[in-house]
């Protein structure tokens, strides 16, 4: 008997790859998305699969299509790009609050497993490096980014409350920077931004002096971590990310070399509350899930660049 999965944010970058993985495992997927930042194109290749069902709805307002019993409930709906959560701050807060509660209630109803994708942004501009799950973070609750940071921190809190009060089998994934095919070129995050600029012969824009760091995990590795976590009994947050840490200036140089571009690097002021360092400690994921990233940065970037080249060629 195949498992039934309910996924919010299914038309998003990570959500669509999760759909692929669960369908490949023989599962049935009911996919929910309001398409504010997700794209139906990300799911076009599975629309003919009889085990896949897509419903356009806003989970923060109501959950449609959640008929029958589900084995797994996955809450991925979120506006994860600074460009979009600054544009839609209220919707971002709702995705972490009201939407999370609605999805948790379905998991409670069906005695289903529940997984929420939280974020490394819960650590804010960290004073501990690398970041362990036991670190409580350094977050500005009234800053420009707070709509996203606090929505995820609240989502973690209500997830733990449903576990403690109702016994819901919950999992919390703190995701670090993830990249790969199906990212939106216009979402403002560093990987698609650099690739888009390089493809158009434009200067690569680095914010700040370029010494701030990020760690980049390829999407297939991330989805594997999510699937392992969803089958585990670990109720507290687990970091999922690649501990390979790079300065943003170094990352720009890698893009230049990979794409053979002569586009220069330009520098602009660092946005408010932008974290200076970001590197996951994945000891817990290794011990509890037997998980570690496998895809090298070079291979992952090559796949991502080829995807974007194909999108531009067909536009």
Protein backbone atom coordinates (compact mmCIF):
# COMPACT_ATOMS: atom_id res chain seq x y z
CA UNK A 1 0.00 0.00 0.00
CA UNK A 2 1.47 3.32 -1.07
CA UNK A 3 1.76 6.25 1.31
CA UNK A 4 -0.37 9.35 0.86
CA UNK A 5 1.42 12.70 1.16
CA UNK A 6 -0.01 16.19 1.56
CA UNK A 7 2.51 18.89 0.61
CA UNK A 8 2.08 22.64 0.91
CA UNK A 9 4.36 24.81 -1.19
CA UNK A 10 4.57 21.94 -3.65
CA UNK A 11 5.10 24.13 -6.72
CA UNK A 12 8.11 25.81 -5.17
CA UNK A 13 11.76 25.05 -5.78
CA UNK A 14 12.26 22.47 -3.01
CA UNK A 15 8.63 21.37 -2.92
CA UNK A 16 8.61 20.27 -6.54
CA UNK A 17 11.74 18.18 -6.06
CA UNK A 18 10.18 16.58 -2.99
CA UNK A 19 7.13 15.68 -5.10
CA UNK A 20 9.45 13.95 -7.58
CA UNK A 21 11.14 11.96 -4.84
CA UNK A 22 7.92 10.79 -3.19
CA UNK A 23 6.30 9.86 -6.50
CA UNK A 24 9.44 7.91 -7.46
CA UNK A 25 9.05 5.97 -4.22
CA UNK A 26 5.52 5.00 -5.26
CA UNK A 27 3.66 7.45 -3.06
CA UNK A 28 0.51 9.42 -3.81
CA UNK A 29 0.94 13.19 -3.61
CA UNK A 30 -1.68 15.86 -3.06
CA UNK A 31 0.12 19.10 -3.84
CA UNK A 32 -1.03 22.50 -2.54
CA UNK A 33 0.28 25.91 -3.63
CA UNK A 34 -1.11 29.40 -4.08
CA UNK A 35 1.49 30.14 -6.79
CA UNK A 36 2.56 33.49 -5.33
CA UNK A 37 6.19 32.47 -5.75
CA UNK A 38 5.80 28.84 -6.85
CA UNK A 39 5.35 27.96 -10.49
CA UNK A 40 3.05 25.45 -12.17
CA UNK A 41 5.92 24.86 -14.62
CA UNK A 42 7.85 23.15 -11.82
CA UNK A 43 5.19 20.43 -11.72
CA UNK A 44 4.24 20.25 -15.39
CA UNK A 45 6.21 17.04 -15.89
CA UNK A 46 4.15 15.13 -13.27
CA UNK A 47 0.68 16.43 -14.14
CA UNK A 48 -0.15 13.24 -16.04
CA UNK A 49 0.81 10.96 -13.15
CA UNK A 50 -2.36 9.36 -11.73
CA UNK A 51 -0.83 9.48 -8.25
CA UNK A 52 -0.30 13.24 -8.40
CA UNK A 53 -3.00 15.80 -7.69
CA UNK A 54 -2.44 19.57 -7.73
CA UNK A 55 -4.76 22.04 -6.04
CA UNK A 56 -4.22 25.78 -6.12
CA UNK A 57 -5.12 27.20 -2.72
CA UNK A 58 -3.81 29.45 0.04
CA UNK A 59 -3.11 27.19 3.01
CA UNK A 60 -3.15 30.15 5.40
CA UNK A 61 -6.79 30.78 4.46
CA UNK A 62 -8.10 27.24 4.02
CA UNK A 63 -6.79 23.80 3.11
CA UNK A 64 -8.57 22.33 0.12
CA UNK A 65 -8.25 18.83 -1.23
CA UNK A 66 -7.25 17.30 2.07
CA UNK A 67 -9.86 14.57 1.80
CA UNK A 68 -9.09 11.04 2.87
CA UNK A 69 -6.37 9.98 5.25
CA UNK A 70 -2.76 11.09 4.86
CA UNK A 71 0.32 9.29 6.12
CA UNK A 72 2.67 12.27 5.85
CA UNK A 73 1.94 16.00 5.99
CA UNK A 74 4.73 18.27 4.74
CA UNK A 75 4.57 22.03 5.29
CA UNK A 76 6.95 23.74 2.87
CA UNK A 77 4.81 26.77 1.98
CA UNK A 78 6.92 29.86 2.57
CA UNK A 79 8.28 32.96 0.90
CA UNK A 80 11.94 32.15 1.42
CA UNK A 81 13.58 34.83 -0.73
CA UNK A 82 14.27 38.25 0.81
CA UNK A 83 12.92 39.89 -2.33
CA UNK A 84 9.55 38.22 -1.88
CA UNK A 85 9.15 38.17 1.88
CA UNK A 86 9.91 41.90 1.97
CA UNK A 87 7.25 42.33 -0.72
CA UNK A 88 4.74 40.10 1.09
CA UNK A 89 5.51 40.43 4.82
CA UNK A 90 1.99 39.64 6.07
CA UNK A 91 1.66 36.59 3.85
CA UNK A 92 5.07 35.45 5.05
CA UNK A 93 3.99 35.68 8.68
CA UNK A 94 0.76 33.83 7.88
CA UNK A 95 2.65 30.98 6.20
CA UNK A 96 4.52 30.37 9.44
CA UNK A 97 1.56 30.86 11.77
CA UNK A 98 -1.95 30.17 10.46
CA UNK A 99 -0.82 27.90 7.65
CA UNK A 100 1.39 25.85 9.94
CA UNK A 101 -1.47 25.34 12.38
CA UNK A 102 -3.83 24.23 9.61
CA UNK A 103 -1.38 21.65 8.35
CA UNK A 104 -0.67 20.45 11.90
CA UNK A 105 -4.39 19.99 12.49
CA UNK A 106 -4.59 17.70 9.47
CA UNK A 107 -1.65 15.66 10.78
CA UNK A 108 -3.36 15.46 14.17
CA UNK A 109 -6.64 14.40 12.55
CA UNK A 110 -5.02 11.61 10.55
CA UNK A 111 -2.37 10.57 13.10
CA UNK A 112 0.07 11.38 10.30
CA UNK A 113 3.72 12.31 10.45
CA UNK A 114 4.34 16.03 10.09
CA UNK A 115 7.46 17.77 8.81
CA UNK A 116 8.06 21.49 8.60
CA UNK A 117 10.88 23.13 6.71
CA UNK A 118 12.30 25.76 9.01
CA UNK A 119 15.42 27.76 8.29
CA UNK A 120 18.91 28.70 9.34
CA UNK A 121 17.51 32.22 9.64
CA UNK A 122 16.31 31.14 13.09
CA UNK A 123 19.94 31.72 14.09
CA UNK A 124 19.81 35.31 12.83
CA UNK A 125 23.20 37.00 12.60
CA UNK A 126 24.88 34.27 14.63
CA UNK A 127 27.32 34.80 17.46
CA UNK A 128 28.12 31.07 17.43
CA UNK A 129 29.96 29.51 14.50
CA UNK A 130 29.27 27.01 13.05
CA UNK A 131 25.65 26.90 14.11
CA UNK A 132 24.41 23.95 16.19
CA UNK A 133 20.77 23.18 16.81
CA UNK A 134 21.27 24.02 20.49
CA UNK A 135 22.11 27.65 19.63
CA UNK A 136 19.11 29.93 20.27
CA UNK A 137 20.13 32.56 17.77
CA UNK A 138 20.66 36.31 17.51
CA UNK A 139 17.54 37.62 15.74
CA UNK A 140 16.21 41.17 15.47
CA UNK A 141 12.45 40.70 16.09
CA UNK A 142 11.54 44.08 14.58
CA UNK A 143 14.02 44.27 11.71
CA UNK A 144 13.18 44.17 7.99
CA UNK A 145 13.84 40.42 7.87
CA UNK A 146 11.81 39.66 11.00
CA UNK A 147 8.68 38.74 9.05
CA UNK A 148 10.54 35.68 7.77
CA UNK A 149 12.75 34.91 10.77
CA UNK A 150 9.95 35.18 13.31
CA UNK A 151 7.45 33.30 11.15
CA UNK A 152 9.78 30.31 11.18
CA UNK A 153 10.56 30.62 14.87
CA UNK A 154 6.84 30.67 15.61
CA UNK A 155 6.32 27.72 13.27
CA UNK A 156 8.86 25.71 15.23
CA UNK A 157 7.15 26.67 18.50
CA UNK A 158 3.66 25.64 17.41
CA UNK A 159 5.03 22.44 15.90
CA UNK A 160 6.56 21.49 19.25
CA UNK A 161 3.33 22.50 21.01
CA UNK A 162 1.28 20.11 18.87
CA UNK A 163 3.79 17.37 19.59
CA UNK A 164 3.76 17.95 23.34
CA UNK A 165 0.01 18.54 23.75
CA UNK A 166 -1.44 16.16 21.16
CA UNK A 167 1.37 13.68 20.52
CA UNK A 168 1.69 14.57 16.82
CA UNK A 169 4.77 12.91 15.31
CA UNK A 170 6.61 16.03 14.21
CA UNK A 171 9.94 16.81 12.57
CA UNK A 172 11.66 20.18 12.14
CA UNK A 173 14.28 20.71 9.43
CA UNK A 174 16.43 23.83 9.66
CA UNK A 175 17.45 24.33 6.06
CA UNK A 176 20.57 26.23 5.08
CA UNK A 177 21.19 27.76 1.64
CA UNK A 178 19.95 25.34 -1.01
CA UNK A 179 20.32 25.65 -4.76
CA UNK A 180 19.60 23.75 -7.96
CA UNK A 181 17.26 23.57 -10.95
CA UNK A 182 13.83 25.23 -10.64
CA UNK A 183 15.02 28.16 -8.59
CA UNK A 184 13.48 31.36 -9.90
CA UNK A 185 15.99 33.57 -11.68
CA UNK A 186 14.30 36.67 -10.25
CA UNK A 187 14.07 35.61 -6.61
CA UNK A 188 17.08 37.67 -5.58
CA UNK A 189 19.08 34.96 -3.83
CA UNK A 190 22.76 34.75 -4.56
CA UNK A 191 22.91 31.61 -6.73
CA UNK A 192 20.25 32.55 -9.33
CA UNK A 193 21.28 36.21 -9.16
CA UNK A 194 24.92 35.49 -10.05
CA UNK A 195 23.98 33.00 -12.76
CA UNK A 196 21.39 35.34 -14.27
CA UNK A 197 23.86 38.23 -14.32
CA UNK A 198 26.60 36.08 -15.86
CA UNK A 199 24.28 34.72 -18.55
CA UNK A 200 23.33 38.26 -19.52
CA UNK A 201 26.90 39.58 -19.44
CA UNK A 202 26.18 41.82 -16.47
CA UNK A 203 28.37 42.54 -13.48
CA UNK A 204 27.98 40.14 -10.56
CA UNK A 205 26.56 42.10 -7.62
CA UNK A 206 28.06 41.37 -4.21
CA UNK A 207 26.47 43.04 -1.21
CA UNK A 208 28.83 44.24 1.50
CA UNK A 209 32.55 43.62 1.14
CA UNK A 210 32.06 40.00 0.12
CA UNK A 211 33.60 38.53 3.27
CA UNK A 212 30.25 37.31 4.62
CA UNK A 213 29.92 33.55 4.23
CA UNK A 214 27.30 31.07 3.11
CA UNK A 215 27.18 27.29 2.73
CA UNK A 216 25.44 25.88 -0.34
CA UNK A 217 23.64 22.51 -0.47
CA UNK A 218 22.39 20.94 -3.70
CA UNK A 219 18.66 20.30 -3.76
CA UNK A 220 18.82 16.50 -4.18
CA UNK A 221 20.94 16.24 -1.06
CA UNK A 222 18.51 18.44 0.84
CA UNK A 223 15.47 16.40 -0.24
CA UNK A 224 17.22 13.21 0.81
CA UNK A 225 17.78 14.74 4.24
CA UNK A 226 14.11 15.72 4.49
CA UNK A 227 12.95 12.21 3.62
CA UNK A 228 15.29 10.66 6.17
CA UNK A 229 14.14 13.11 8.82
CA UNK A 230 10.46 12.46 8.07
CA UNK A 231 10.96 8.78 8.91
CA UNK A 232 12.84 9.46 12.14
CA UNK A 233 11.72 9.87 15.73
CA UNK A 234 13.74 13.06 16.21
CA UNK A 235 11.35 15.78 17.36
CA UNK A 236 13.78 18.65 17.89
CA UNK A 237 15.28 20.70 15.02
CA UNK A 238 17.90 19.16 12.74
CA UNK A 239 20.25 21.20 10.56
CA UNK A 240 20.28 20.23 6.88
CA UNK A 241 22.90 21.96 4.78
CA UNK A 242 26.36 21.66 3.32
CA UNK A 243 29.13 22.70 5.73
CA UNK A 244 31.38 23.80 2.86
CA UNK A 245 31.66 27.51 3.74
CA UNK A 246 32.56 30.15 1.16
CA UNK A 247 32.92 33.89 1.20
CA UNK A 248 30.41 35.47 -1.16
CA UNK A 249 33.28 37.03 -3.11
CA UNK A 250 34.83 33.57 -3.53
CA UNK A 251 31.51 32.18 -4.65
CA UNK A 252 31.24 34.91 -7.29
CA UNK A 253 34.68 33.94 -8.56
CA UNK A 254 33.58 30.30 -8.79
CA UNK A 255 30.62 31.33 -10.93
CA UNK A 256 32.91 33.39 -13.15
CA UNK A 257 35.26 30.45 -13.65
CA UNK A 258 32.51 27.90 -14.24
CA UNK A 259 30.67 30.03 -16.78
CA UNK A 260 33.79 31.45 -18.42
CA UNK A 261 32.45 34.96 -18.06
CA UNK A 262 34.38 38.19 -18.07
CA UNK A 263 31.62 39.92 -16.10
CA UNK A 264 33.22 41.97 -13.32
CA UNK A 265 32.21 41.91 -9.67
CA UNK A 266 30.60 45.04 -8.24
CA UNK A 267 29.89 45.84 -4.62
CA UNK A 268 26.83 47.41 -3.02
CA UNK A 269 25.90 48.16 0.62
CA UNK A 270 24.98 45.18 2.80
CA UNK A 271 21.22 44.95 3.50
CA UNK A 272 19.94 45.43 7.04
CA UNK A 273 20.43 42.45 9.42
CA UNK A 274 22.11 40.36 6.72
CA UNK A 275 23.96 37.51 8.49
CA UNK A 276 27.76 37.77 8.39
CA UNK A 277 28.36 34.03 8.73
CA UNK A 278 26.38 30.94 7.90
CA UNK A 279 27.66 27.39 8.29
CA UNK A 280 25.72 24.41 9.61
CA UNK A 281 27.03 21.96 12.14
CA UNK A 282 25.55 18.73 10.72
CA UNK A 283 26.84 16.38 13.41
CA UNK A 284 23.29 15.65 14.55
CA UNK A 285 22.08 14.87 11.02
CA UNK A 286 25.00 12.49 10.55
CA UNK A 287 24.38 10.72 13.85
CA UNK A 288 20.58 10.60 13.83
CA UNK A 289 19.85 10.30 10.09
CA UNK A 290 23.08 8.92 8.64
CA UNK A 291 22.96 11.91 6.30
CA UNK A 292 25.61 14.06 4.68
CA UNK A 293 25.71 15.97 1.37
CA UNK A 294 27.09 14.05 -1.59
CA UNK A 295 26.92 16.44 -4.56
CA UNK A 296 30.00 18.62 -5.02
CA UNK A 297 29.56 22.36 -5.50
CA UNK A 298 31.06 22.14 -8.99
CA UNK A 299 28.67 19.38 -10.11
CA UNK A 300 25.66 21.05 -8.53
CA UNK A 301 26.42 24.43 -10.05
CA UNK A 302 26.97 22.86 -13.46
CA UNK A 303 23.50 21.26 -13.34
CA UNK A 304 21.98 24.53 -12.17
CA UNK A 305 23.65 26.61 -14.89
CA UNK A 306 22.54 24.14 -17.57
CA UNK A 307 18.97 24.37 -16.29
CA UNK A 308 18.96 28.16 -16.48
CA UNK A 309 20.54 28.13 -19.92
CA UNK A 310 17.75 25.83 -21.09
CA UNK A 311 15.08 28.07 -19.59
CA UNK A 312 16.49 31.15 -21.30
CA UNK A 313 16.80 29.33 -24.63
CA UNK A 314 13.14 28.28 -24.54
CA UNK A 315 11.85 31.67 -23.38
